[in-house]
Amino acid sequence: MPPSPPAPKKKDHRVQIVVAVIGACAAILAALIPVVVSRFDDPEPPTPSPTAVAAVSTATPSGEDPPPSEDPPPVDETPSGDDTPSGDNTPPGPDPALAVPQDYRGSWSGQVDWRPPLQGSYSTTLTISAGSVGAMVGQFSVEGDTCRGALWLESGGGPIVLRLKTTYDGGGCSSLADVKLTLDDDGDLRYELIAAQFPQGFVNQPAPPAVGTLTQD
């Protein structure tokens, strides 16, 4: 008897699924190829917008404090030491004890008498200005300008002592003389010759050898 025919084969569904998947992949690749090719054809990268760049450059990370500002240190403008103003820049004047008092200044004239055993008298004029010890403080003249010279302050404060240095000798004048002046209650000057150097000798006796009163001109 002949063999019986083979039984009909069952359809393999797995093969159909694989074929379907392969077909789907091929379709996807076909769609992507033009996009990829167009990317490679354009070498210029996209340029970010200025707004985005500014935002990145000024942004501060969250959770961090901004850096402190670098302000310059404060300048101390308070004057120190000798730079502090004292409020009085007037230089100090001379010590009153070493100067000519105000009441002694001016032009004074009067008669001076020699004391016995010396005889005679003379008239003199003193012009006294401000000054301190050791300075020239005026001028003098005697007997109608027969003797004249300069006044130098030897002692100040009142009474004062003047040294008379003769610069012009018309005859019989002392080369040097010391005179003490005292302001009296009437506002006049008491004139006392302490000593004088004459060509014929030194005179200091009697003490004082000559006295007088000078009034202000």
N, C-alpha and C. Protein backbone atom coordinates (compact mmCIF):
# COMPACT_ATOMS: atom_id res chain seq x y z
N MET A 1 0.89 -1.16 0.00
CA MET A 1 0.00 0.00 0.00
C MET A 1 0.91 1.19 0.00
N PRO A 2 0.53 2.34 -0.66
CA PRO A 2 1.43 3.50 -0.70
C PRO A 2 1.41 4.20 0.64
N PRO A 3 2.59 4.97 0.94
CA PRO A 3 2.62 5.69 2.23
C PRO A 3 1.60 6.81 2.24
N SER A 4 1.27 7.05 3.38
CA SER A 4 0.27 8.13 3.50
C SER A 4 0.95 9.52 3.34
N PRO A 5 0.28 10.52 2.81
CA PRO A 5 0.90 11.84 2.63
C PRO A 5 1.24 12.50 4.00
N PRO A 6 2.31 13.41 4.04
CA PRO A 6 2.67 14.04 5.34
C PRO A 6 1.59 14.99 5.84
N ALA A 7 1.57 15.08 7.09
CA ALA A 7 0.55 15.98 7.69
C ALA A 7 0.85 17.47 7.34
N PRO A 8 -0.11 18.26 7.08
CA PRO A 8 0.15 19.70 6.72
C PRO A 8 0.91 20.48 7.86
N LYS A 9 1.90 21.27 7.39
CA LYS A 9 2.75 22.00 8.38
C LYS A 9 1.98 23.21 8.99
N LYS A 10 2.25 23.39 10.27
CA LYS A 10 1.64 24.57 10.97
C LYS A 10 2.44 25.87 10.67
N LYS A 11 1.74 26.97 10.50
CA LYS A 11 2.40 28.26 10.25
C LYS A 11 3.23 28.74 11.48
N ASP A 12 4.45 29.13 11.16
CA ASP A 12 5.35 29.60 12.26
C ASP A 12 5.13 31.10 12.47
N HIS A 13 4.40 31.43 13.52
CA HIS A 13 4.10 32.85 13.81
C HIS A 13 5.33 33.64 14.23
N ARG A 14 6.37 33.02 14.79
CA ARG A 14 7.58 33.75 15.22
C ARG A 14 8.30 34.35 14.03
N VAL A 15 8.30 33.63 12.93
CA VAL A 15 8.96 34.15 11.73
C VAL A 15 8.25 35.41 11.25
N GLN A 16 6.94 35.39 11.32
CA GLN A 16 6.19 36.57 10.87
C GLN A 16 6.49 37.80 11.75
N ILE A 17 6.64 37.59 13.06
CA ILE A 17 6.94 38.71 13.98
C ILE A 17 8.30 39.32 13.69
N VAL A 18 9.30 38.43 13.46
CA VAL A 18 10.67 38.90 13.18
C VAL A 18 10.69 39.71 11.90
N VAL A 19 9.98 39.21 10.89
CA VAL A 19 9.94 39.92 9.62
C VAL A 19 9.29 41.28 9.79
N ALA A 20 8.24 41.33 10.62
CA ALA A 20 7.56 42.61 10.85
C ALA A 20 8.47 43.60 11.55
N VAL A 21 9.23 43.10 12.52
CA VAL A 21 10.16 43.98 13.27
C VAL A 21 11.23 44.52 12.35
N ILE A 22 11.79 43.65 11.52
CA ILE A 22 12.84 44.07 10.58
C ILE A 22 12.29 45.13 9.64
N GLY A 23 11.09 44.95 9.19
CA GLY A 23 10.50 45.94 8.30
C GLY A 23 10.31 47.29 8.97
N ALA A 24 9.89 47.26 10.22
CA ALA A 24 9.70 48.52 10.96
C ALA A 24 11.01 49.25 11.15
N CYS A 25 12.08 48.49 11.48
CA CYS A 25 13.41 49.11 11.67
C CYS A 25 13.89 49.73 10.37
N ALA A 26 13.66 49.05 9.27
CA ALA A 26 14.09 49.59 7.98
C ALA A 26 13.37 50.89 7.68
N ALA A 27 12.10 50.97 8.03
CA ALA A 27 11.35 52.21 7.79
C ALA A 27 11.88 53.36 8.63
N ILE A 28 12.23 53.05 9.90
CA ILE A 28 12.77 54.11 10.79
C ILE A 28 14.09 54.62 10.28
N LEU A 29 14.98 53.69 9.87
CA LEU A 29 16.30 54.09 9.34
C LEU A 29 16.14 54.95 8.10
N ALA A 30 15.20 54.58 7.27
CA ALA A 30 14.99 55.36 6.05
C ALA A 30 14.55 56.78 6.37
N ALA A 31 13.81 56.96 7.48
CA ALA A 31 13.36 58.30 7.86
C ALA A 31 14.47 59.13 8.50
N LEU A 32 15.42 58.47 9.21
CA LEU A 32 16.48 59.19 9.94
C LEU A 32 17.65 59.58 9.07
N ILE A 33 17.91 58.85 8.01
CA ILE A 33 19.10 59.11 7.19
C ILE A 33 19.10 60.53 6.65
N PRO A 34 18.03 61.10 6.12
CA PRO A 34 18.09 62.50 5.63
C PRO A 34 18.41 63.51 6.73
N VAL A 35 17.89 63.27 7.95
CA VAL A 35 18.15 64.19 9.07
C VAL A 35 19.61 64.20 9.44
N VAL A 36 20.21 62.97 9.53
CA VAL A 36 21.63 62.86 9.90
C VAL A 36 22.50 63.50 8.85
N VAL A 37 22.18 63.27 7.59
CA VAL A 37 22.97 63.84 6.50
C VAL A 37 22.91 65.36 6.54
N SER A 38 21.71 65.92 6.81
CA SER A 38 21.58 67.38 6.87
C SER A 38 22.37 67.96 8.03
N ARG A 39 22.51 67.24 9.15
CA ARG A 39 23.30 67.71 10.30
C ARG A 39 24.76 67.82 9.92
N PHE A 40 25.28 66.82 9.25
CA PHE A 40 26.70 66.85 8.85
C PHE A 40 26.98 67.88 7.78
N ASP A 41 26.01 68.23 6.99
CA ASP A 41 26.22 69.23 5.94
C ASP A 41 26.31 70.66 6.50
N ASP A 42 25.86 70.93 7.75
CA ASP A 42 25.86 72.28 8.34
C ASP A 42 26.91 72.37 9.44
N PRO A 43 28.17 72.87 9.15
CA PRO A 43 29.24 72.86 10.16
C PRO A 43 29.08 73.94 11.22
N GLU A 44 28.26 74.99 11.02
CA GLU A 44 28.17 76.08 11.97
C GLU A 44 27.33 75.67 13.17
N PRO A 45 27.91 75.76 14.40
CA PRO A 45 27.11 75.44 15.58
C PRO A 45 26.13 76.56 15.88
N PRO A 46 25.08 76.26 16.54
CA PRO A 46 24.11 77.30 16.87
C PRO A 46 24.72 78.33 17.82
N THR A 47 24.41 79.61 17.61
CA THR A 47 24.93 80.70 18.45
C THR A 47 23.92 81.03 19.53
N PRO A 48 24.37 81.02 20.80
CA PRO A 48 23.41 81.34 21.87
C PRO A 48 23.03 82.80 21.81
N SER A 49 21.86 83.10 22.27
CA SER A 49 21.38 84.48 22.24
C SER A 49 22.11 85.31 23.30
N PRO A 50 22.27 86.64 23.06
CA PRO A 50 22.93 87.50 24.06
C PRO A 50 22.27 87.46 25.41
N THR A 51 20.97 87.33 25.40
CA THR A 51 20.27 87.30 26.69
C THR A 51 20.69 86.11 27.51
N ALA A 52 20.86 84.97 26.86
CA ALA A 52 21.27 83.76 27.57
C ALA A 52 22.68 83.91 28.11
N VAL A 53 23.59 84.50 27.32
CA VAL A 53 24.97 84.69 27.78
C VAL A 53 25.01 85.61 28.99
N ALA A 54 24.26 86.71 28.92
CA ALA A 54 24.24 87.65 30.04
C ALA A 54 23.71 86.99 31.29
N ALA A 55 22.70 86.16 31.11
CA ALA A 55 22.13 85.49 32.27
C ALA A 55 23.14 84.57 32.91
N VAL A 56 23.94 83.89 32.10
CA VAL A 56 24.93 82.96 32.65
C VAL A 56 26.04 83.72 33.36
N SER A 57 26.48 84.86 32.79
CA SER A 57 27.63 85.56 33.35
C SER A 57 27.31 86.28 34.64
N THR A 58 26.04 86.66 34.86
CA THR A 58 25.70 87.43 36.06
C THR A 58 25.00 86.60 37.11
N ALA A 59 24.70 85.36 36.80
CA ALA A 59 23.95 84.55 37.75
C ALA A 59 24.83 84.19 38.93
N THR A 60 24.26 84.21 40.12
CA THR A 60 24.96 83.80 41.34
C THR A 60 24.42 82.46 41.77
N PRO A 61 25.30 81.49 42.04
CA PRO A 61 24.81 80.17 42.46
C PRO A 61 23.94 80.30 43.68
N SER A 62 22.86 79.53 43.67
CA SER A 62 21.94 79.59 44.80
C SER A 62 22.63 79.04 46.04
N GLY A 63 22.32 79.68 47.18
CA GLY A 63 22.89 79.21 48.43
C GLY A 63 24.22 79.86 48.76
N GLU A 64 24.79 80.71 47.86
CA GLU A 64 26.07 81.38 48.12
C GLU A 64 25.84 82.88 48.20
N ASP A 65 26.55 83.54 49.13
CA ASP A 65 26.45 84.99 49.28
C ASP A 65 27.29 85.67 48.21
N PRO A 66 26.86 86.82 47.72
CA PRO A 66 27.68 87.56 46.73
C PRO A 66 28.98 88.01 47.37
N PRO A 67 30.05 88.13 46.56
CA PRO A 67 31.34 88.55 47.13
C PRO A 67 31.25 89.96 47.68
N PRO A 68 31.96 90.25 48.78
CA PRO A 68 31.90 91.59 49.37
C PRO A 68 32.51 92.63 48.46
N SER A 69 31.98 93.87 48.53
CA SER A 69 32.54 94.95 47.71
C SER A 69 33.88 95.37 48.28
N GLU A 70 34.81 95.73 47.39
CA GLU A 70 36.16 96.10 47.81
C GLU A 70 36.26 97.62 47.98
N ASP A 71 35.57 98.14 49.01
CA ASP A 71 35.64 99.57 49.28
C ASP A 71 36.98 99.91 49.93
N PRO A 72 37.56 101.11 49.64
CA PRO A 72 38.84 101.49 50.28
C PRO A 72 38.64 101.70 51.76
N PRO A 73 39.68 101.46 52.58
CA PRO A 73 39.55 101.66 54.02
C PRO A 73 39.30 103.12 54.34
N PRO A 74 38.57 103.41 55.41
CA PRO A 74 38.29 104.81 55.77
C PRO A 74 39.56 105.55 56.11
N VAL A 75 39.60 106.85 55.75
CA VAL A 75 40.77 107.68 56.02
C VAL A 75 40.53 108.45 57.30
N ASP A 76 41.52 108.39 58.21
CA ASP A 76 41.42 109.11 59.47
C ASP A 76 41.85 110.55 59.25
N GLU A 77 40.85 111.46 59.27
CA GLU A 77 41.14 112.87 59.01
C GLU A 77 41.34 113.66 60.30
N THR A 78 41.41 112.97 61.45
CA THR A 78 41.58 113.68 62.70
C THR A 78 43.01 114.14 62.85
N PRO A 79 43.28 115.43 63.00
CA PRO A 79 44.67 115.87 63.16
C PRO A 79 45.25 115.35 64.44
N SER A 80 46.53 115.03 64.41
CA SER A 80 47.18 114.46 65.58
C SER A 80 48.39 115.28 65.95
N GLY A 81 48.72 115.21 67.22
CA GLY A 81 49.96 115.81 67.69
C GLY A 81 49.99 117.30 67.44
N ASP A 82 51.09 117.73 66.80
CA ASP A 82 51.31 119.15 66.59
C ASP A 82 50.41 119.73 65.51
N ASP A 83 49.70 118.86 64.75
CA ASP A 83 48.84 119.36 63.69
C ASP A 83 47.52 119.90 64.21
N THR A 84 47.21 119.65 65.49
CA THR A 84 45.94 120.12 66.03
C THR A 84 46.00 121.63 66.25
N PRO A 85 45.04 122.39 65.67
CA PRO A 85 45.09 123.84 65.87
C PRO A 85 44.92 124.21 67.32
N SER A 86 45.72 125.12 67.81
CA SER A 86 45.64 125.54 69.20
C SER A 86 44.62 126.65 69.40
N GLY A 87 44.20 127.29 68.30
CA GLY A 87 43.26 128.39 68.40
C GLY A 87 43.92 129.75 68.55
N ASP A 88 45.25 129.78 68.79
CA ASP A 88 45.96 131.05 68.93
C ASP A 88 47.34 130.88 68.33
N ASN A 89 47.53 131.45 67.14
CA ASN A 89 48.81 131.34 66.45
C ASN A 89 49.66 132.60 66.62
N THR A 90 49.24 133.49 67.53
CA THR A 90 50.00 134.72 67.74
C THR A 90 51.29 134.41 68.48
N PRO A 91 52.44 134.81 67.94
CA PRO A 91 53.69 134.53 68.64
C PRO A 91 53.74 135.27 69.96
N PRO A 92 54.33 134.68 70.99
CA PRO A 92 54.39 135.35 72.28
C PRO A 92 55.23 136.62 72.22
N GLY A 93 54.80 137.63 72.94
CA GLY A 93 55.56 138.88 72.98
C GLY A 93 56.71 138.77 73.97
N PRO A 94 57.51 139.83 74.05
CA PRO A 94 58.63 139.81 74.99
C PRO A 94 58.16 139.78 76.43
N ASP A 95 58.97 139.23 77.30
CA ASP A 95 58.67 139.19 78.73
C ASP A 95 58.57 140.63 79.24
N PRO A 96 57.43 140.99 79.87
CA PRO A 96 57.29 142.38 80.35
C PRO A 96 58.42 142.81 81.27
N ALA A 97 58.97 141.86 82.03
CA ALA A 97 60.06 142.20 82.95
C ALA A 97 61.35 142.53 82.22
N LEU A 98 61.42 142.18 80.92
CA LEU A 98 62.63 142.42 80.13
C LEU A 98 62.38 143.43 79.02
N ALA A 99 61.33 144.23 79.15
CA ALA A 99 60.96 145.14 78.06
C ALA A 99 60.68 146.53 78.60
N VAL A 100 60.49 147.46 77.65
CA VAL A 100 60.13 148.83 77.99
C VAL A 100 58.62 148.90 78.22
N PRO A 101 58.14 149.27 79.40
CA PRO A 101 56.70 149.39 79.62
C PRO A 101 56.08 150.48 78.74
N GLN A 102 54.81 150.33 78.48
CA GLN A 102 54.11 151.28 77.62
C GLN A 102 54.22 152.71 78.16
N ASP A 103 54.10 152.90 79.47
CA ASP A 103 54.09 154.24 80.05
C ASP A 103 55.44 154.94 79.94
N TYR A 104 56.50 154.21 79.62
CA TYR A 104 57.83 154.82 79.51
C TYR A 104 58.13 155.26 78.07
N ARG A 105 57.29 154.89 77.14
CA ARG A 105 57.57 155.17 75.74
C ARG A 105 57.12 156.58 75.37
N GLY A 106 57.86 157.18 74.45
CA GLY A 106 57.53 158.53 73.99
C GLY A 106 58.75 159.43 74.07
N SER A 107 58.50 160.72 73.91
CA SER A 107 59.56 161.73 73.96
C SER A 107 59.49 162.49 75.28
N TRP A 108 60.64 162.56 75.98
CA TRP A 108 60.71 163.16 77.31
C TRP A 108 61.83 164.21 77.33
N SER A 109 61.56 165.32 77.99
CA SER A 109 62.56 166.40 78.08
C SER A 109 62.58 166.97 79.50
N GLY A 110 63.76 167.48 79.91
CA GLY A 110 63.88 168.12 81.23
C GLY A 110 65.30 168.51 81.54
N GLN A 111 65.45 169.09 82.74
CA GLN A 111 66.77 169.56 83.20
C GLN A 111 67.35 168.58 84.20
N VAL A 112 68.66 168.34 84.07
CA VAL A 112 69.38 167.44 84.96
C VAL A 112 70.44 168.27 85.69
N ASP A 113 70.50 168.13 87.04
CA ASP A 113 71.43 168.90 87.86
C ASP A 113 72.51 167.98 88.43
N TRP A 114 73.75 168.47 88.36
CA TRP A 114 74.84 167.76 89.01
C TRP A 114 74.75 168.00 90.52
N ARG A 115 75.09 166.96 91.23
CA ARG A 115 75.02 167.06 92.68
C ARG A 115 76.41 167.44 93.24
N PRO A 116 76.40 168.19 94.36
CA PRO A 116 77.67 168.59 94.96
C PRO A 116 78.51 167.34 95.33
N PRO A 117 79.80 167.44 95.21
CA PRO A 117 80.57 168.66 94.93
C PRO A 117 80.60 169.04 93.47
N LEU A 118 79.93 168.28 92.59
CA LEU A 118 79.88 168.64 91.17
C LEU A 118 78.94 169.82 91.00
N GLN A 119 79.17 170.58 89.97
CA GLN A 119 78.37 171.79 89.76
C GLN A 119 77.85 171.83 88.33
N GLY A 120 76.75 172.52 88.16
CA GLY A 120 76.22 172.74 86.84
C GLY A 120 74.95 171.93 86.57
N SER A 121 74.42 172.10 85.37
CA SER A 121 73.21 171.39 84.92
C SER A 121 73.21 171.32 83.41
N TYR A 122 72.37 170.50 82.89
CA TYR A 122 72.22 170.39 81.42
C TYR A 122 70.79 169.96 81.10
N SER A 123 70.36 170.29 79.92
CA SER A 123 69.03 169.87 79.44
C SER A 123 69.20 168.68 78.50
N THR A 124 68.27 167.76 78.57
CA THR A 124 68.36 166.56 77.73
C THR A 124 66.98 166.17 77.22
N THR A 125 66.99 165.46 76.12
CA THR A 125 65.75 164.91 75.53
C THR A 125 65.98 163.43 75.22
N LEU A 126 65.05 162.59 75.69
CA LEU A 126 65.10 161.15 75.42
C LEU A 126 63.87 160.76 74.61
N THR A 127 64.08 160.02 73.56
CA THR A 127 62.96 159.46 72.78
C THR A 127 63.04 157.94 72.92
N ILE A 128 62.04 157.36 73.62
CA ILE A 128 62.08 155.95 74.00
C ILE A 128 61.00 155.19 73.24
N SER A 129 61.36 154.04 72.70
CA SER A 129 60.41 153.18 71.97
C SER A 129 60.39 151.79 72.59
N ALA A 130 59.55 150.91 72.03
CA ALA A 130 59.44 149.54 72.55
C ALA A 130 60.71 148.76 72.25
N GLY A 131 60.96 147.75 73.08
CA GLY A 131 62.13 146.90 72.88
C GLY A 131 62.39 146.06 74.11
N SER A 132 63.30 145.11 73.97
CA SER A 132 63.66 144.22 75.07
C SER A 132 65.12 144.42 75.44
N VAL A 133 65.51 143.80 76.54
CA VAL A 133 66.87 143.96 77.05
C VAL A 133 67.90 143.60 75.99
N GLY A 134 68.90 144.47 75.83
CA GLY A 134 69.94 144.25 74.84
C GLY A 134 69.68 144.92 73.52
N ALA A 135 68.48 145.49 73.34
CA ALA A 135 68.13 146.11 72.06
C ALA A 135 68.23 147.63 72.16
N MET A 136 68.43 148.27 71.01
CA MET A 136 68.40 149.73 70.97
C MET A 136 66.94 150.16 71.01
N VAL A 137 66.61 151.06 71.93
CA VAL A 137 65.22 151.43 72.15
C VAL A 137 64.97 152.93 71.98
N GLY A 138 65.93 153.68 71.45
CA GLY A 138 65.67 155.10 71.25
C GLY A 138 66.94 155.91 71.05
N GLN A 139 66.76 157.23 71.19
CA GLN A 139 67.86 158.19 70.97
C GLN A 139 67.83 159.26 72.05
N PHE A 140 68.97 159.95 72.22
CA PHE A 140 69.04 161.06 73.18
C PHE A 140 69.80 162.22 72.56
N SER A 141 69.58 163.38 73.09
CA SER A 141 70.35 164.57 72.71
C SER A 141 70.52 165.45 73.95
N VAL A 142 71.59 166.25 73.97
CA VAL A 142 71.91 167.08 75.12
C VAL A 142 72.28 168.48 74.64
N GLU A 143 71.80 169.49 75.42
CA GLU A 143 72.23 170.88 75.25
C GLU A 143 72.15 171.35 73.80
N GLY A 144 70.95 171.29 73.21
CA GLY A 144 70.78 171.79 71.86
C GLY A 144 71.55 170.98 70.84
N ASP A 145 71.61 169.67 71.03
CA ASP A 145 72.23 168.72 70.10
C ASP A 145 73.76 168.82 70.09
N THR A 146 74.35 169.30 71.20
CA THR A 146 75.81 169.27 71.29
C THR A 146 76.31 167.85 71.53
N CYS A 147 75.48 167.03 72.15
CA CYS A 147 75.78 165.60 72.33
C CYS A 147 74.53 164.82 71.90
N ARG A 148 74.74 163.76 71.21
CA ARG A 148 73.60 162.90 70.85
C ARG A 148 74.10 161.47 70.63
N GLY A 149 73.15 160.55 70.73
CA GLY A 149 73.51 159.15 70.57
C GLY A 149 72.31 158.23 70.68
N ALA A 150 72.58 156.96 70.98
CA ALA A 150 71.54 155.92 71.00
C ALA A 150 71.31 155.42 72.42
N LEU A 151 70.07 154.95 72.65
CA LEU A 151 69.68 154.38 73.94
C LEU A 151 69.57 152.86 73.80
N TRP A 152 70.18 152.13 74.72
CA TRP A 152 70.13 150.67 74.74
C TRP A 152 69.56 150.23 76.08
N LEU A 153 68.62 149.28 76.04
CA LEU A 153 67.95 148.85 77.26
C LEU A 153 68.83 147.85 78.02
N GLU A 154 69.17 148.22 79.26
CA GLU A 154 69.97 147.35 80.13
C GLU A 154 69.09 146.57 81.10
N SER A 155 67.99 147.17 81.54
CA SER A 155 67.08 146.53 82.48
C SER A 155 65.68 147.04 82.20
N GLY A 156 64.69 146.11 82.13
CA GLY A 156 63.33 146.48 81.79
C GLY A 156 62.36 146.26 82.92
N GLY A 157 61.08 146.46 82.60
CA GLY A 157 60.01 146.19 83.55
C GLY A 157 59.56 147.39 84.34
N GLY A 158 60.41 148.37 84.57
CA GLY A 158 60.11 149.56 85.34
C GLY A 158 60.42 149.40 86.82
N PRO A 159 61.33 150.25 87.37
CA PRO A 159 62.14 151.21 86.63
C PRO A 159 62.98 150.53 85.53
N ILE A 160 63.46 151.35 84.60
CA ILE A 160 64.31 150.82 83.54
C ILE A 160 65.68 151.50 83.61
N VAL A 161 66.69 150.79 83.10
CA VAL A 161 68.04 151.33 83.03
C VAL A 161 68.44 151.39 81.56
N LEU A 162 68.87 152.58 81.13
CA LEU A 162 69.30 152.80 79.75
C LEU A 162 70.80 153.07 79.71
N ARG A 163 71.45 152.55 78.69
CA ARG A 163 72.85 152.89 78.43
C ARG A 163 72.88 153.88 77.28
N LEU A 164 73.52 155.02 77.52
CA LEU A 164 73.62 156.08 76.52
C LEU A 164 74.98 155.96 75.84
N LYS A 165 74.97 155.71 74.53
CA LYS A 165 76.21 155.61 73.75
C LYS A 165 76.27 156.81 72.80
N THR A 166 77.26 157.66 73.02
CA THR A 166 77.36 158.89 72.23
C THR A 166 77.86 158.58 70.82
N THR A 167 77.14 159.10 69.85
CA THR A 167 77.57 158.96 68.45
C THR A 167 78.04 160.29 67.88
N TYR A 168 77.71 161.38 68.56
CA TYR A 168 78.19 162.71 68.13
C TYR A 168 78.59 163.49 69.38
N ASP A 169 79.83 163.97 69.40
CA ASP A 169 80.35 164.73 70.54
C ASP A 169 80.73 166.13 70.06
N GLY A 170 79.92 167.10 70.47
CA GLY A 170 80.20 168.49 70.12
C GLY A 170 81.15 169.15 71.08
N GLY A 171 81.62 168.39 72.10
CA GLY A 171 82.57 168.93 73.07
C GLY A 171 82.11 168.69 74.49
N GLY A 172 82.95 167.94 75.26
CA GLY A 172 82.68 167.71 76.67
C GLY A 172 81.62 166.66 76.95
N CYS A 173 81.29 165.79 75.97
CA CYS A 173 80.24 164.76 76.17
C CYS A 173 80.86 163.48 76.73
N SER A 174 80.08 162.76 77.49
CA SER A 174 80.51 161.43 77.94
C SER A 174 80.39 160.45 76.78
N SER A 175 81.31 159.49 76.72
CA SER A 175 81.22 158.47 75.67
C SER A 175 80.18 157.42 76.01
N LEU A 176 80.08 157.09 77.31
CA LEU A 176 79.09 156.13 77.80
C LEU A 176 78.50 156.65 79.10
N ALA A 177 77.21 156.34 79.31
CA ALA A 177 76.58 156.69 80.58
C ALA A 177 75.40 155.75 80.81
N ASP A 178 75.18 155.42 82.09
CA ASP A 178 74.02 154.61 82.47
C ASP A 178 73.06 155.49 83.25
N VAL A 179 71.77 155.43 82.86
CA VAL A 179 70.75 156.28 83.46
C VAL A 179 69.59 155.40 83.91
N LYS A 180 69.13 155.64 85.14
CA LYS A 180 67.95 154.95 85.67
C LYS A 180 66.75 155.88 85.58
N LEU A 181 65.63 155.35 85.02
CA LEU A 181 64.40 156.12 84.87
C LEU A 181 63.29 155.45 85.66
N THR A 182 62.59 156.26 86.48
CA THR A 182 61.50 155.75 87.30
C THR A 182 60.27 156.61 87.06
N LEU A 183 59.14 155.97 86.77
CA LEU A 183 57.88 156.69 86.54
C LEU A 183 57.28 157.05 87.90
N ASP A 184 57.04 158.35 88.15
CA ASP A 184 56.48 158.75 89.44
C ASP A 184 54.96 158.86 89.37
N ASP A 185 54.35 159.23 90.49
CA ASP A 185 52.89 159.28 90.57
C ASP A 185 52.29 160.35 89.67
N ASP A 186 53.06 161.35 89.31
CA ASP A 186 52.56 162.43 88.45
C ASP A 186 52.67 162.09 86.97
N GLY A 187 53.24 160.93 86.65
CA GLY A 187 53.41 160.55 85.26
C GLY A 187 54.68 161.08 84.65
N ASP A 188 55.58 161.64 85.48
CA ASP A 188 56.86 162.13 85.00
C ASP A 188 57.93 161.06 85.24
N LEU A 189 59.08 161.26 84.62
CA LEU A 189 60.20 160.33 84.79
C LEU A 189 61.27 160.96 85.68
N ARG A 190 61.65 160.26 86.73
CA ARG A 190 62.79 160.68 87.55
C ARG A 190 64.05 160.15 86.86
N TYR A 191 64.97 161.06 86.60
CA TYR A 191 66.20 160.76 85.86
C TYR A 191 67.35 160.69 86.88
N GLU A 192 68.06 159.58 86.92
CA GLU A 192 69.21 159.43 87.82
C GLU A 192 70.40 158.93 87.01
N LEU A 193 71.46 159.71 86.97
CA LEU A 193 72.68 159.28 86.30
C LEU A 193 73.43 158.34 87.24
N ILE A 194 73.62 157.09 86.81
CA ILE A 194 74.31 156.11 87.64
C ILE A 194 75.82 156.28 87.52
N ALA A 195 76.29 156.37 86.28
CA ALA A 195 77.73 156.52 86.04
C ALA A 195 77.93 157.06 84.64
N ALA A 196 79.08 157.71 84.42
CA ALA A 196 79.38 158.27 83.10
C ALA A 196 80.89 158.24 82.87
N GLN A 197 81.27 157.99 81.65
CA GLN A 197 82.68 157.98 81.26
C GLN A 197 82.98 159.22 80.42
N PHE A 198 83.80 160.12 81.02
CA PHE A 198 84.20 161.35 80.34
C PHE A 198 85.66 161.25 79.92
N PRO A 199 86.08 162.11 79.00
CA PRO A 199 87.49 162.08 78.61
C PRO A 199 88.43 162.26 79.80
N GLN A 200 88.03 163.05 80.80
CA GLN A 200 88.89 163.30 81.95
C GLN A 200 88.75 162.25 83.06
N GLY A 201 87.79 161.32 82.90
CA GLY A 201 87.69 160.27 83.89
C GLY A 201 86.27 159.73 84.04
N PHE A 202 86.18 158.73 84.93
CA PHE A 202 84.92 158.03 85.18
C PHE A 202 84.23 158.69 86.36
N VAL A 203 82.94 158.95 86.23
CA VAL A 203 82.17 159.62 87.27
C VAL A 203 81.04 158.72 87.73
N ASN A 204 81.01 158.40 89.02
CA ASN A 204 79.88 157.66 89.60
C ASN A 204 79.57 158.12 91.02
N GLN A 205 80.22 159.18 91.47
CA GLN A 205 80.02 159.71 92.81
C GLN A 205 79.78 161.22 92.71
N PRO A 206 78.96 161.71 93.68
CA PRO A 206 78.15 160.94 94.62
C PRO A 206 77.08 160.14 93.90
N ALA A 207 76.53 159.19 94.58
CA ALA A 207 75.56 158.31 93.95
C ALA A 207 74.14 158.83 94.25
N PRO A 208 73.40 159.17 93.26
CA PRO A 208 73.81 159.37 91.86
C PRO A 208 74.48 160.73 91.69
N PRO A 209 75.38 160.84 90.74
CA PRO A 209 76.08 162.12 90.55
C PRO A 209 75.20 163.21 89.96
N ALA A 210 74.09 162.84 89.28
CA ALA A 210 73.20 163.87 88.70
C ALA A 210 71.77 163.35 88.71
N VAL A 211 70.80 164.26 88.96
CA VAL A 211 69.39 163.87 89.00
C VAL A 211 68.57 164.93 88.29
N GLY A 212 67.35 164.54 87.87
CA GLY A 212 66.47 165.50 87.22
C GLY A 212 65.09 164.90 87.03
N THR A 213 64.20 165.70 86.47
CA THR A 213 62.83 165.27 86.18
C THR A 213 62.53 165.56 84.72
N LEU A 214 62.01 164.54 84.03
CA LEU A 214 61.66 164.67 82.61
C LEU A 214 60.15 164.57 82.47
N THR A 215 59.59 165.45 81.66
CA THR A 215 58.16 165.41 81.38
C THR A 215 57.96 165.00 79.92
N GLN A 216 56.80 164.41 79.68
CA GLN A 216 56.52 163.92 78.32
C GLN A 216 56.15 165.07 77.42
N ASP A 217 56.73 165.11 76.23
CA ASP A 217 56.49 166.18 75.27
C ASP A 217 55.10 166.03 74.65
